[in-house]
C-alpha atoms as a PDB file:
ATOM      1  CA  UNK A   1       0.014  -0.018   0.039  1.00  0.00           C
ATOM      2  CA  UNK A   2       2.808   2.312   0.826  1.00  0.00           C
ATOM      3  CA  UNK A   3       4.264   1.877  -2.596  1.00  0.00           C
ATOM      4  CA  UNK A   4       1.002   2.889  -4.222  1.00  0.00           C
ATOM      5  CA  UNK A   5       0.935   6.233  -2.436  1.00  0.00           C
ATOM      6  CA  UNK A   6       4.649   6.725  -3.467  1.00  0.00           C
ATOM      7  CA  UNK A   7       3.808   5.947  -7.108  1.00  0.00           C
ATOM      8  CA  UNK A   8       0.851   8.413  -7.033  1.00  0.00           C
ATOM      9  CA  UNK A   9       3.163  11.197  -5.584  1.00  0.00           C
ATOM     10  CA  UNK A  10       5.839  10.300  -8.164  1.00  0.00           C
ATOM     11  CA  UNK A  11       3.410  10.967 -11.031  1.00  0.00           C
ATOM     12  CA  UNK A  12       3.307  14.698 -10.053  1.00  0.00           C
ATOM     13  CA  UNK A  13       6.398  15.984 -11.762  1.00  0.00           C
ATOM     14  CA  UNK A  14       6.079  19.708 -11.231  1.00  0.00           C
ATOM     15  CA  UNK A  15       5.812  20.123  -7.533  1.00  0.00           C
ATOM     16  CA  UNK A  16       7.621  23.029  -6.127  1.00  0.00           C
ATOM     17  CA  UNK A  17       8.484  26.254  -7.878  1.00  0.00           C
ATOM     18  CA  UNK A  18       7.076  24.903 -11.128  1.00  0.00           C
ATOM     19  CA  UNK A  19       3.705  24.693  -9.460  1.00  0.00           C
ATOM     20  CA  UNK A  20       3.609  28.407  -8.680  1.00  0.00           C
ATOM     21  CA  UNK A  21       5.464  29.884 -11.701  1.00  0.00           C
ATOM     22  CA  UNK A  22       4.903  28.791 -15.254  1.00  0.00           C
ATOM     23  CA  UNK A  23       7.215  28.825 -18.201  1.00  0.00           C
ATOM     24  CA  UNK A  24       8.049  32.196 -19.653  1.00  0.00           C
ATOM     25  CA  UNK A  25       6.026  33.133 -22.733  1.00  0.00           C
ATOM     26  CA  UNK A  26       7.382  35.745 -25.210  1.00  0.00           C
ATOM     27  CA  UNK A  27       4.499  37.814 -26.889  1.00  0.00           C
ATOM     28  CA  UNK A  28       5.907  40.398 -29.324  1.00  0.00           C
ATOM     29  CA  UNK A  29       8.880  41.190 -27.207  1.00  0.00           C
ATOM     30  CA  UNK A  30       6.949  41.146 -23.886  1.00  0.00           C
ATOM     31  CA  UNK A  31       7.855  38.334 -21.507  1.00  0.00           C
ATOM     32  CA  UNK A  32       5.030  36.919 -19.505  1.00  0.00           C
ATOM     33  CA  UNK A  33       5.421  34.564 -16.484  1.00  0.00           C
ATOM     34  CA  UNK A  34       2.179  33.136 -15.109  1.00  0.00           C
ATOM     35  CA  UNK A  35       1.761  32.785 -11.309  1.00  0.00           C
ATOM     36  CA  UNK A  36      -0.543  30.331  -9.579  1.00  0.00           C
ATOM     37  CA  UNK A  37      -1.187  28.957  -6.134  1.00  0.00           C
ATOM     38  CA  UNK A  38      -1.024  25.201  -6.304  1.00  0.00           C
ATOM     39  CA  UNK A  39      -1.749  22.462  -3.741  1.00  0.00           C
ATOM     40  CA  UNK A  40      -1.608  18.650  -3.989  1.00  0.00           C
ATOM     41  CA  UNK A  41      -2.768  15.987  -1.554  1.00  0.00           C
ATOM     42  CA  UNK A  42      -2.315  12.267  -1.536  1.00  0.00           C
ATOM     43  CA  UNK A  43      -3.589   9.612   0.843  1.00  0.00           C
ATOM     44  CA  UNK A  44      -3.984   5.890   1.356  1.00  0.00           C
ATOM     45  CA  UNK A  45      -5.386   3.181   3.589  1.00  0.00           C
ATOM     46  CA  UNK A  46      -5.407  -0.457   4.316  1.00  0.00           C
ATOM     47  CA  UNK A  47      -7.230  -2.799   6.554  1.00  0.00           C
ATOM     48  CA  UNK A  48      -7.774  -6.224   7.863  1.00  0.00           C
ATOM     49  CA  UNK A  49      -9.259  -7.935  10.832  1.00  0.00           C
ATOM     50  CA  UNK A  50     -12.413  -9.917  11.605  1.00  0.00           C
ATOM     51  CA  UNK A  51     -14.816  -7.408  13.182  1.00  0.00           C
ATOM     52  CA  UNK A  52     -18.308  -8.680  13.661  1.00  0.00           C
ATOM     53  CA  UNK A  53     -20.698  -5.886  14.237  1.00  0.00           C
ATOM     54  CA  UNK A  54     -24.016  -4.409  12.958  1.00  0.00           C
ATOM     55  CA  UNK A  55     -25.581  -7.784  12.111  1.00  0.00           C
ATOM     56  CA  UNK A  56     -28.778  -5.988  11.205  1.00  0.00           C
ATOM     57  CA  UNK A  57     -27.136  -3.960   8.540  1.00  0.00           C
ATOM     58  CA  UNK A  58     -25.134  -6.914   7.071  1.00  0.00           C
ATOM     59  CA  UNK A  59     -21.661  -5.616   8.215  1.00  0.00           C
ATOM     60  CA  UNK A  60     -20.689  -8.852   9.755  1.00  0.00           C
ATOM     61  CA  UNK A  61     -17.604  -9.180   7.492  1.00  0.00           C
ATOM     62  CA  UNK A  62     -14.279 -10.829   7.860  1.00  0.00           C
ATOM     63  CA  UNK A  63     -11.982  -8.115   6.748  1.00  0.00           C
ATOM     64  CA  UNK A  64      -9.654  -6.868   4.020  1.00  0.00           C
ATOM     65  CA  UNK A  65      -9.406  -3.616   2.309  1.00  0.00           C
ATOM     66  CA  UNK A  66      -7.149  -0.994   0.819  1.00  0.00           C
ATOM     67  CA  UNK A  67      -7.548   2.335  -0.869  1.00  0.00           C
ATOM     68  CA  UNK A  68      -5.739   5.355  -2.081  1.00  0.00           C
ATOM     69  CA  UNK A  69      -6.280   8.609  -3.838  1.00  0.00           C
ATOM     70  CA  UNK A  70      -4.912  12.048  -4.581  1.00  0.00           C
ATOM     71  CA  UNK A  71      -5.810  15.351  -6.176  1.00  0.00           C
ATOM     72  CA  UNK A  72      -4.696  18.838  -6.744  1.00  0.00           C
ATOM     73  CA  UNK A  73      -5.728  22.352  -7.468  1.00  0.00           C
ATOM     74  CA  UNK A  74      -4.192  25.278  -9.230  1.00  0.00           C
ATOM     75  CA  UNK A  75      -5.664  28.805  -8.927  1.00  0.00           C
ATOM     76  CA  UNK A  76      -4.211  31.369 -11.296  1.00  0.00           C
ATOM     77  CA  UNK A  77      -3.224  34.530  -9.430  1.00  0.00           C
ATOM     78  CA  UNK A  78      -1.818  36.615 -12.209  1.00  0.00           C
ATOM     79  CA  UNK A  79       1.331  37.141 -14.191  1.00  0.00           C
ATOM     80  CA  UNK A  80       4.691  38.979 -14.124  1.00  0.00           C
ATOM     81  CA  UNK A  81       4.809  41.056 -17.172  1.00  0.00           C
ATOM     82  CA  UNK A  82       8.234  42.368 -18.392  1.00  0.00           C
ATOM     83  CA  UNK A  83       8.881  44.760 -21.254  1.00  0.00           C
ATOM     84  CA  UNK A  84      11.418  47.457 -21.911  1.00  0.00           C
ATOM     85  CA  UNK A  85      13.457  46.725 -18.746  1.00  0.00           C
ATOM     86  CA  UNK A  86      10.333  47.085 -16.494  1.00  0.00           C
ATOM     87  CA  UNK A  87       8.601  44.267 -14.640  1.00  0.00           C
ATOM     88  CA  UNK A  88       5.007  44.524 -13.131  1.00  0.00           C
ATOM     89  CA  UNK A  89       2.591  42.006 -11.590  1.00  0.00           C
ATOM     90  CA  UNK A  90      -0.829  41.969 -13.311  1.00  0.00           C
ATOM     91  CA  UNK A  91      -3.288  40.259 -10.879  1.00  0.00           C
ATOM     92  CA  UNK A  92      -6.052  37.948 -11.766  1.00  0.00           C
ATOM     93  CA  UNK A  93      -8.855  39.477  -9.600  1.00  0.00           C
ATOM     94  CA  UNK A  94     -11.077  36.422  -9.539  1.00  0.00           C
ATOM     95  CA  UNK A  95      -8.054  34.174  -8.482  1.00  0.00           C
ATOM     96  CA  UNK A  96      -7.090  36.615  -5.820  1.00  0.00           C
ATOM     97  CA  UNK A  97     -10.592  36.685  -4.437  1.00  0.00           C
ATOM     98  CA  UNK A  98     -10.711  32.970  -4.298  1.00  0.00           C
ATOM     99  CA  UNK A  99      -7.516  32.957  -2.309  1.00  0.00           C
ATOM    100  CA  UNK A 100      -8.485  35.802  -0.032  1.00  0.00           C
ATOM    101  CA  UNK A 101     -11.921  34.603   0.775  1.00  0.00           C
ATOM    102  CA  UNK A 102     -10.900  31.871   3.364  1.00  0.00           C
ATOM    103  CA  UNK A 103      -8.313  34.354   4.843  1.00  0.00           C
ATOM    104  CA  UNK A 104     -10.835  37.102   5.296  1.00  0.00           C
ATOM    105  CA  UNK A 105     -13.299  34.561   6.848  1.00  0.00           C
ATOM    106  CA  UNK A 106     -10.722  33.285   9.413  1.00  0.00           C
ATOM    107  CA  UNK A 107      -9.656  36.773  10.242  1.00  0.00           C
ATOM    108  CA  UNK A 108     -13.282  37.817  10.891  1.00  0.00           C
ATOM    109  CA  UNK A 109     -13.850  34.689  13.051  1.00  0.00           C
ATOM    110  CA  UNK A 110     -10.757  35.252  15.032  1.00  0.00           C
ATOM    111  CA  UNK A 111     -11.711  38.979  15.685  1.00  0.00           C
ATOM    112  CA  UNK A 112     -15.134  37.909  16.749  1.00  0.00           C
ATOM    113  CA  UNK A 113     -13.658  35.447  19.301  1.00  0.00           C
ATOM    114  CA  UNK A 114     -11.076  38.057  20.601  1.00  0.00           C
ATOM    115  CA  UNK A 115     -13.693  40.771  21.049  1.00  0.00           C
ATOM    116  CA  UNK A 116     -16.096  38.236  22.740  1.00  0.00           C
ATOM    117  CA  UNK A 117     -13.211  37.257  25.075  1.00  0.00           C
ATOM    118  CA  UNK A 118     -12.466  40.966  25.958  1.00  0.00           C
ATOM    119  CA  UNK A 119     -16.005  41.690  26.777  1.00  0.00           C
ATOM    120  CA  UNK A 120     -16.138  39.005  29.521  1.00  0.00           C
END
């Protein structure tokens, strides 16, 4: 089972900086480097045993089992654009909102808890 998880993780060849920064693209003398937020996750499981429970729901079973899976996400945040010796970041507003939403929610929740604690 452990080999399955390692095989799954090995299929992802671009983990690290390549996940966040794409290959440079040259468009009519302007160089563009895409920037993204990337995350991957992998997991696995196994089992055995001879548990005898839930006879009414037919889960009397002997045992056995295994499993594994993985997934990833990439959210485009924007691009570095370079031309005539000048580099600037052009944000992708929708991508930045997707990334900022959980942060704003967590900050608001933390502030709510701090204010509540200070009142008591």
